[in-house]
Amino acid sequence: MKQIRFLDVGWTYQTLAPKMDAAAKRVLESGWFIHGKEVEAFEKEFALYTGAKHCIGTGNGLDSLELVLRAAGVGHGDDVLVPSNTFIATWLAVTRTGANIIPVEPVESTYTMDPDKLEAALTPKTKAIIPVHLYGQPADMDPIMEFAEKHSLFVLTDAAQAHGAVYKGKMSGTLGHAAAFSFYPGKNLGAFGDGGAVTTMDDTIAENVRKIANYGATVKYEHDSLGFNSRLDEMQAAFLRVKLDKLDNWNWTRKTIARIYLDGLADTPLVLPVVIEQTQSVWHLFVVRCKDRDGLIKHLADHKIETSIHYPKAPHKQGAYKNMAGISLPISEAIHREVLSLPIGPHMDEDDARRVVEVVKDFF
């Protein structure tokens, strides 16, 4: 019986080995490994892909989030509206600036930030909002941007899981005032190591991000502000350029698998994901909810089908935020108790997806 892997990063290399080897050779032979031509070219290509005016490569997705917040002037004493249901990096970026997290519960059917809950979360110190395009689906951005404009708030979208996602005709890198991407190996557009990027239409934000990420300097050895070192590696940029050319095809494979799951599992007790109207998810993850999650995980594992949980514990229940453990976020807590991610990715084919459907249906 063939094993269906949840994630197969090695598959991307095996599929593109000659081009990846050529990219690596090109970098090694150039003798230039930091802020070179590969990073410059990737920044231009990814900006063009997303429709953004600027793209700045960074060391990772968490840095991307923090850099934008700092570039927008978010810091000690400020409040930031952040989804209660997200990977902890979104929260950590806020905490690292010294700002305060104000959690906002999600729309239960889509898992993304609920625009209707923003008004109640607003404080006199609120300076920014971070909607997360969770699992590959953009948050409902129109009402979020309207709310932000009304209250003069900066909007940073966490697009770490949404490379190529579309909301009402606009790409995920252009839906807020700036966007933060991760190129962690498991992402739809993943490097073979850490990496990230910021996209924005705002000249000032772009300039500030570049400065802060480069030790607070725009001219070598002249440091105008407190910064830190966060750079997209030249080798990773070369690999990402190869993969960017395949991103839309790979996202299409994910959409095909998602459609097989949605159709095949419609009559099961599982709670299936819902896509917002006029939105194109890139299905970074296919997340269902199951009352007997542990039982289903074991059943699938017995049939050599790998699964994962995104995420088993809400951020406010993590030890890092034990000071918030007493607050009640019932929607997020319920989601985290039941969510299960089925395998999805370009390493799978339609027969794999149909087999997952049949094995899941056999469980009920």
Protein backbone atom coordinates (compact mmCIF):
# COMPACT_ATOMS: atom_id res chain seq x y z
CA MET A 1 0.00 0.00 0.00
CA LYS A 2 1.43 3.37 -1.02
CA GLN A 3 2.03 5.86 1.74
CA ILE A 4 0.44 9.26 1.19
CA ARG A 5 2.75 11.82 2.72
CA PHE A 6 1.31 14.91 4.35
CA LEU A 7 4.21 16.96 3.02
CA ASP A 8 7.05 16.04 0.67
CA VAL A 9 9.54 18.87 0.33
CA GLY A 10 12.03 16.55 -1.36
CA TRP A 11 9.57 16.04 -4.21
CA THR A 12 10.02 19.66 -5.29
CA TYR A 13 13.75 19.18 -5.67
CA GLN A 14 13.42 15.86 -7.47
CA THR A 15 10.92 17.42 -9.89
CA LEU A 16 13.12 20.41 -10.65
CA ALA A 17 16.59 18.96 -9.98
CA PRO A 18 18.38 20.15 -13.15
CA LYS A 19 17.13 23.73 -12.72
CA MET A 20 17.83 23.72 -8.98
CA ASP A 21 21.36 22.41 -9.54
CA ALA A 22 21.95 25.07 -12.18
CA ALA A 23 20.68 27.78 -9.80
CA ALA A 24 23.00 26.62 -7.02
CA LYS A 25 25.94 26.45 -9.40
CA ARG A 26 25.18 29.95 -10.65
CA VAL A 27 25.31 31.35 -7.13
CA LEU A 28 28.43 29.46 -6.10
CA GLU A 29 30.30 30.49 -9.22
CA SER A 30 29.30 34.13 -8.79
CA GLY A 31 31.14 34.36 -5.47
CA TRP A 32 28.40 36.74 -4.21
CA PHE A 33 26.25 35.38 -1.38
CA ILE A 34 24.57 38.35 0.35
CA HIS A 35 22.32 40.96 -1.32
CA GLY A 36 23.33 39.88 -4.80
CA LYS A 37 21.73 39.59 -8.19
CA GLU A 38 19.56 36.59 -7.28
CA VAL A 39 17.83 38.43 -4.43
CA GLU A 40 17.44 41.52 -6.57
CA ALA A 41 15.91 39.49 -9.39
CA PHE A 42 13.60 37.54 -7.10
CA GLU A 43 12.35 40.72 -5.44
CA LYS A 44 11.43 42.14 -8.83
CA GLU A 45 9.79 38.90 -10.00
CA PHE A 46 7.78 38.39 -6.81
CA ALA A 47 6.66 42.02 -6.79
CA LEU A 48 5.47 41.57 -10.37
CA TYR A 49 3.73 38.30 -9.48
CA THR A 50 1.82 39.83 -6.56
CA GLY A 51 1.18 43.18 -8.25
CA ALA A 52 3.03 45.06 -5.51
CA LYS A 53 5.30 48.03 -6.17
CA HIS A 54 7.96 46.82 -3.75
CA CYS A 55 9.25 43.46 -2.52
CA ILE A 56 11.95 43.22 0.15
CA GLY A 57 13.50 39.85 0.94
CA THR A 58 13.88 38.97 4.63
CA GLY A 59 15.31 36.21 6.77
CA ASN A 60 11.95 34.56 7.55
CA GLY A 61 8.23 35.16 7.92
CA LEU A 62 8.36 36.23 11.57
CA ASP A 63 10.94 38.88 10.71
CA SER A 64 8.74 40.05 7.84
CA LEU A 65 5.87 40.70 10.23
CA GLU A 66 8.01 42.49 12.81
CA LEU A 67 9.85 44.58 10.22
CA VAL A 68 6.61 45.95 8.81
CA LEU A 69 5.20 46.75 12.24
CA ARG A 70 8.37 48.61 13.16
CA ALA A 71 8.43 50.35 9.77
CA ALA A 72 4.88 51.56 10.44
CA GLY A 73 5.88 52.95 13.83
CA VAL A 74 4.18 50.29 15.97
CA GLY A 75 5.86 49.93 19.36
CA HIS A 76 5.57 50.09 23.15
CA GLY A 77 2.15 51.05 24.39
CA ASP A 78 0.36 50.48 21.09
CA ASP A 79 -2.42 47.93 20.67
CA VAL A 80 -2.66 45.64 17.65
CA LEU A 81 -5.77 43.67 16.66
CA VAL A 82 -4.63 40.11 15.94
CA PRO A 83 -6.61 36.92 15.16
CA SER A 84 -7.07 34.58 18.10
CA ASN A 85 -6.85 31.66 15.65
CA THR A 86 -3.43 31.73 13.98
CA PHE A 87 0.10 30.38 14.18
CA ILE A 88 1.94 31.94 17.10
CA ALA A 89 4.34 33.88 14.83
CA THR A 90 1.63 36.48 14.23
CA TRP A 91 1.45 37.12 17.97
CA LEU A 92 5.21 36.96 18.51
CA ALA A 93 5.84 39.70 15.95
CA VAL A 94 3.58 42.07 17.88
CA THR A 95 5.13 41.17 21.22
CA ARG A 96 8.66 41.69 19.87
CA THR A 97 7.84 45.32 19.02
CA GLY A 98 6.64 45.91 22.58
CA ALA A 99 3.04 46.42 21.46
CA ASN A 100 0.02 44.71 23.05
CA ILE A 101 -2.02 41.93 21.47
CA ILE A 102 -5.78 42.40 21.31
CA PRO A 103 -7.17 39.05 20.12
CA VAL A 104 -10.10 38.99 17.71
CA GLU A 105 -12.14 35.82 17.26
CA PRO A 106 -12.60 34.29 13.77
CA VAL A 107 -15.58 33.60 11.58
CA GLU A 108 -16.07 29.98 12.55
CA SER A 109 -16.77 28.72 9.03
CA THR A 110 -13.70 30.31 7.40
CA TYR A 111 -11.29 30.42 10.38
CA THR A 112 -10.23 33.97 9.44
CA MET A 113 -10.62 37.23 11.40
CA ASP A 114 -14.26 38.29 11.87
CA PRO A 115 -14.68 41.92 10.68
CA ASP A 116 -17.84 42.23 12.76
CA LYS A 117 -15.81 41.77 15.95
CA LEU A 118 -13.31 44.57 15.26
CA GLU A 119 -15.40 47.39 16.72
CA ALA A 120 -15.69 45.69 20.10
CA ALA A 121 -11.94 45.01 20.15
CA LEU A 122 -10.93 48.59 19.31
CA THR A 123 -9.12 50.56 22.03
CA PRO A 124 -7.90 54.18 22.18
CA LYS A 125 -4.36 52.82 21.72
CA THR A 126 -5.09 50.62 18.68
CA LYS A 127 -2.62 51.36 15.90
CA ALA A 128 -2.74 48.36 13.55
CA ILE A 129 -4.62 45.25 12.45
CA ILE A 130 -3.07 41.98 11.27
CA PRO A 131 -5.56 39.87 9.30
CA VAL A 132 -4.15 36.41 8.57
CA HIS A 133 -4.84 34.65 5.27
CA LEU A 134 -5.10 31.36 7.10
CA TYR A 135 -4.70 27.97 5.42
CA GLY A 136 -4.37 29.68 2.02
CA GLN A 137 -7.61 31.69 2.07
CA PRO A 138 -7.57 35.50 2.26
CA ALA A 139 -9.39 37.11 5.13
CA ASP A 140 -12.49 39.13 4.23
CA MET A 141 -10.51 42.28 3.49
CA ASP A 142 -13.06 44.83 2.23
CA PRO A 143 -14.80 45.35 5.58
CA ILE A 144 -11.47 45.16 7.41
CA MET A 145 -9.98 47.91 5.22
CA GLU A 146 -13.12 50.02 5.59
CA PHE A 147 -12.86 49.71 9.37
CA ALA A 148 -9.14 50.55 9.25
CA GLU A 149 -9.72 53.64 7.13
CA LYS A 150 -12.47 54.83 9.43
CA HIS A 151 -10.16 54.61 12.45
CA SER A 152 -6.85 55.49 10.71
CA LEU A 153 -5.29 52.07 11.39
CA PHE A 154 -2.38 50.41 9.59
CA VAL A 155 -3.20 47.01 8.04
CA LEU A 156 -0.50 44.36 7.76
CA THR A 157 -1.68 41.13 6.17
CA ASP A 158 -0.02 37.90 7.24
CA ALA A 159 0.23 36.11 3.89
CA ALA A 160 2.63 33.38 5.02
CA GLN A 161 0.22 30.68 3.81
CA ALA A 162 -1.29 32.47 0.84
CA HIS A 163 1.20 32.70 -2.03
CA GLY A 164 -0.96 33.30 -5.09
CA ALA A 165 -4.29 33.62 -3.29
CA VAL A 166 -6.79 36.11 -4.76
CA TYR A 167 -9.47 38.26 -3.13
CA LYS A 168 -11.90 40.02 -5.47
CA GLY A 169 -9.36 40.17 -8.26
CA LYS A 170 -6.41 41.29 -6.13
CA MET A 171 -3.43 39.16 -5.14
CA SER A 172 -2.66 38.42 -1.51
CA GLY A 173 0.42 40.65 -1.45
CA THR A 174 -1.61 43.81 -2.15
CA LEU A 175 -4.67 43.50 0.08
CA GLY A 176 -3.47 45.70 2.96
CA HIS A 177 -0.94 48.46 3.41
CA ALA A 178 1.76 45.79 3.42
CA ALA A 179 2.00 41.99 3.44
CA ALA A 180 4.39 39.57 5.13
CA PHE A 181 5.34 36.29 3.46
CA SER A 182 7.22 33.22 4.66
CA PHE A 183 9.19 30.91 2.38
CA TYR A 184 9.55 28.14 4.95
CA PRO A 185 10.09 24.87 3.01
CA GLY A 186 6.53 23.62 3.57
CA LYS A 187 4.84 26.71 2.10
CA ASN A 188 3.22 26.80 -1.35
CA LEU A 189 6.29 28.77 -2.41
CA GLY A 190 8.96 27.35 -0.14
CA ALA A 191 12.74 27.64 -0.09
CA PHE A 192 15.16 24.92 1.02
CA GLY A 193 15.72 26.80 4.26
CA ASP A 194 14.27 29.87 5.94
CA GLY A 195 13.30 32.97 4.02
CA GLY A 196 10.63 35.64 3.83
CA ALA A 197 9.54 38.81 2.10
CA VAL A 198 7.54 41.99 2.53
CA THR A 199 5.40 43.43 -0.26
CA THR A 200 3.87 46.89 -0.28
CA MET A 201 2.74 49.77 -2.46
CA ASP A 202 4.04 52.29 0.09
CA ASP A 203 7.44 53.83 -0.70
CA THR A 204 8.04 54.88 2.89
CA ILE A 205 7.20 51.48 4.36
CA ALA A 206 9.48 49.80 1.82
CA GLU A 207 12.36 52.16 2.60
CA ASN A 208 11.92 51.70 6.35
CA VAL A 209 11.76 47.92 6.09
CA ARG A 210 14.99 47.83 4.08
CA LYS A 211 16.72 50.11 6.56
CA ILE A 212 15.61 48.28 9.71
CA ALA A 213 16.49 44.89 8.18
CA ASN A 214 19.98 46.16 7.31
CA TYR A 215 21.22 47.16 10.77
CA GLY A 216 19.27 50.42 10.52
CA ALA A 217 21.41 51.64 7.62
CA THR A 218 20.80 52.76 4.07
CA VAL A 219 24.46 53.68 3.53
CA LYS A 220 27.13 51.19 4.60
CA TYR A 221 28.45 51.91 8.11
CA GLU A 222 25.99 54.77 8.62
CA HIS A 223 23.29 53.55 11.02
CA ASP A 224 20.46 56.06 11.38
CA SER A 225 18.27 53.89 13.57
CA LEU A 226 18.26 50.73 15.68
CA GLY A 227 17.92 47.82 13.30
CA PHE A 228 18.74 44.17 13.00
CA ASN A 229 20.00 41.72 10.42
CA SER A 230 17.31 40.00 8.36
CA ARG A 231 18.20 39.06 4.80
CA LEU A 232 16.90 36.65 2.21
CA ASP A 233 19.81 34.37 1.38
CA GLU A 234 21.19 34.58 -2.15
CA MET A 235 21.02 30.80 -2.62
CA GLN A 236 17.44 30.61 -1.37
CA ALA A 237 16.46 33.45 -3.71
CA ALA A 238 17.88 31.49 -6.63
CA PHE A 239 15.84 28.42 -5.64
CA LEU A 240 12.70 30.52 -5.15
CA ARG A 241 13.04 31.96 -8.64
CA VAL A 242 12.89 28.42 -10.06
CA LYS A 243 9.88 27.51 -7.92
CA LEU A 244 8.00 30.75 -8.61
CA ASP A 245 7.70 29.69 -12.22
CA LYS A 246 5.82 26.56 -11.03
CA LEU A 247 3.72 28.15 -8.30
CA ASP A 248 0.48 28.61 -10.27
CA ASN A 249 0.61 25.04 -11.59
CA TRP A 250 1.24 23.65 -8.14
CA ASN A 251 -1.55 25.76 -6.68
CA TRP A 252 -3.87 24.40 -9.37
CA THR A 253 -3.03 20.86 -8.24
CA ARG A 254 -3.93 21.85 -4.69
CA LYS A 255 -7.26 23.26 -5.90
CA THR A 256 -8.01 20.04 -7.77
CA ILE A 257 -7.34 17.95 -4.68
CA ALA A 258 -9.43 20.31 -2.55
CA ARG A 259 -12.36 19.94 -4.96
CA ILE A 260 -12.14 16.14 -4.73
CA TYR A 261 -12.19 16.41 -0.94
CA LEU A 262 -15.08 18.89 -0.86
CA ASP A 263 -17.20 16.79 -3.20
CA GLY A 264 -16.25 13.40 -1.78
CA LEU A 265 -16.61 14.29 1.90
CA ALA A 266 -19.77 16.39 1.62
CA ASP A 267 -21.99 13.71 3.16
CA THR A 268 -19.71 12.91 6.11
CA PRO A 269 -20.00 14.34 9.64
CA LEU A 270 -16.84 16.38 9.05
CA VAL A 271 -17.05 20.16 9.08
CA LEU A 272 -15.50 21.14 5.75
CA PRO A 273 -13.75 24.42 4.92
CA VAL A 274 -15.77 27.26 3.42
CA VAL A 275 -14.32 29.68 0.86
CA ILE A 276 -15.41 33.32 0.90
CA GLU A 277 -17.28 34.44 -2.22
CA GLN A 278 -15.07 35.97 -4.94
CA THR A 279 -12.02 34.50 -3.24
CA GLN A 280 -9.52 31.99 -4.62
CA SER A 281 -7.84 29.97 -1.90
CA VAL A 282 -4.51 28.36 -2.72
CA TRP A 283 -5.24 25.55 -0.24
CA HIS A 284 -2.00 25.64 1.66
CA LEU A 285 -3.85 23.35 4.04
CA PHE A 286 -7.12 21.45 3.82
CA VAL A 287 -8.49 21.68 7.34
CA VAL A 288 -11.57 19.82 8.56
CA ARG A 289 -13.13 19.60 11.98
CA CYS A 290 -13.86 16.23 13.57
CA LYS A 291 -15.33 15.41 16.98
CA ASP A 292 -13.26 12.21 17.17
CA ARG A 293 -10.06 13.69 15.82
CA ASP A 294 -7.73 11.21 17.48
CA GLY A 295 -9.73 8.28 16.17
CA LEU A 296 -9.67 9.59 12.61
CA ILE A 297 -5.94 10.28 12.80
CA LYS A 298 -5.28 6.69 13.87
CA HIS A 299 -7.61 5.30 11.21
CA LEU A 300 -5.84 7.24 8.47
CA ALA A 301 -2.40 6.33 9.83
CA ASP A 302 -3.39 2.64 9.79
CA HIS A 303 -4.00 3.11 6.06
CA LYS A 304 -0.65 4.88 5.57
CA ILE A 305 -2.13 8.35 5.20
CA GLU A 306 -0.31 11.10 7.08
CA THR A 307 -2.16 14.00 8.69
CA SER A 308 -1.27 16.98 10.87
CA ILE A 309 -2.96 19.47 13.20
CA HIS A 310 -2.88 23.22 12.50
CA TYR A 311 -2.92 24.03 15.35
CA PRO A 312 -3.31 21.86 18.46
CA LYS A 313 -3.22 24.76 20.92
CA ALA A 314 -4.42 28.35 20.56
CA PRO A 315 -1.79 31.10 21.08
CA HIS A 316 -3.36 32.34 24.31
CA LYS A 317 -3.06 28.83 25.74
CA GLN A 318 0.67 28.61 25.02
CA GLY A 319 3.22 28.98 27.80
CA ALA A 320 4.68 32.00 26.03
CA TYR A 321 1.40 33.82 26.73
CA LYS A 322 0.56 32.41 30.15
CA ASN A 323 -0.39 35.94 31.18
CA MET A 324 -3.39 35.59 28.84
CA ALA A 325 -4.36 32.06 29.85
CA GLY A 326 -7.33 33.31 31.85
CA ILE A 327 -9.09 35.02 28.95
CA SER A 328 -11.94 33.26 27.18
CA LEU A 329 -11.81 32.85 23.40
CA PRO A 330 -14.37 30.07 22.93
CA ILE A 331 -14.49 30.00 19.11
CA SER A 332 -10.75 29.67 18.76
CA GLU A 333 -10.56 27.11 21.57
CA ALA A 334 -13.28 24.96 19.97
CA ILE A 335 -11.53 25.12 16.59
CA HIS A 336 -8.20 24.04 18.04
CA ARG A 337 -9.79 21.05 19.78
CA GLU A 338 -11.20 19.65 16.54
CA VAL A 339 -9.15 20.73 13.51
CA LEU A 340 -7.33 18.16 11.41
CA SER A 341 -5.32 18.79 8.25
CA LEU A 342 -5.65 16.21 5.48
CA PRO A 343 -2.71 15.76 3.08
CA ILE A 344 -2.63 18.17 0.17
CA GLY A 345 0.09 19.36 -2.17
CA PRO A 346 1.61 19.02 -5.63
CA HIS A 347 3.28 15.76 -4.60
CA MET A 348 -0.17 14.12 -4.69
CA ASP A 349 -2.31 13.12 -7.65
CA GLU A 350 -6.07 12.73 -8.03
CA ASP A 351 -5.97 9.01 -7.22
CA ASP A 352 -4.24 9.82 -3.92
CA ALA A 353 -6.98 12.31 -3.09
CA ARG A 354 -9.75 9.85 -3.93
CA ARG A 355 -8.10 7.23 -1.72
CA VAL A 356 -8.04 9.68 1.19
CA VAL A 357 -11.75 10.33 0.63
CA GLU A 358 -12.59 6.62 0.68
CA VAL A 359 -10.55 5.94 3.80
CA VAL A 360 -12.12 8.88 5.63
CA LYS A 361 -15.61 7.73 4.62
CA ASP A 362 -14.83 4.22 5.87
CA PHE A 363 -14.23 5.71 9.33
CA PHE A 364 -17.82 6.91 9.74
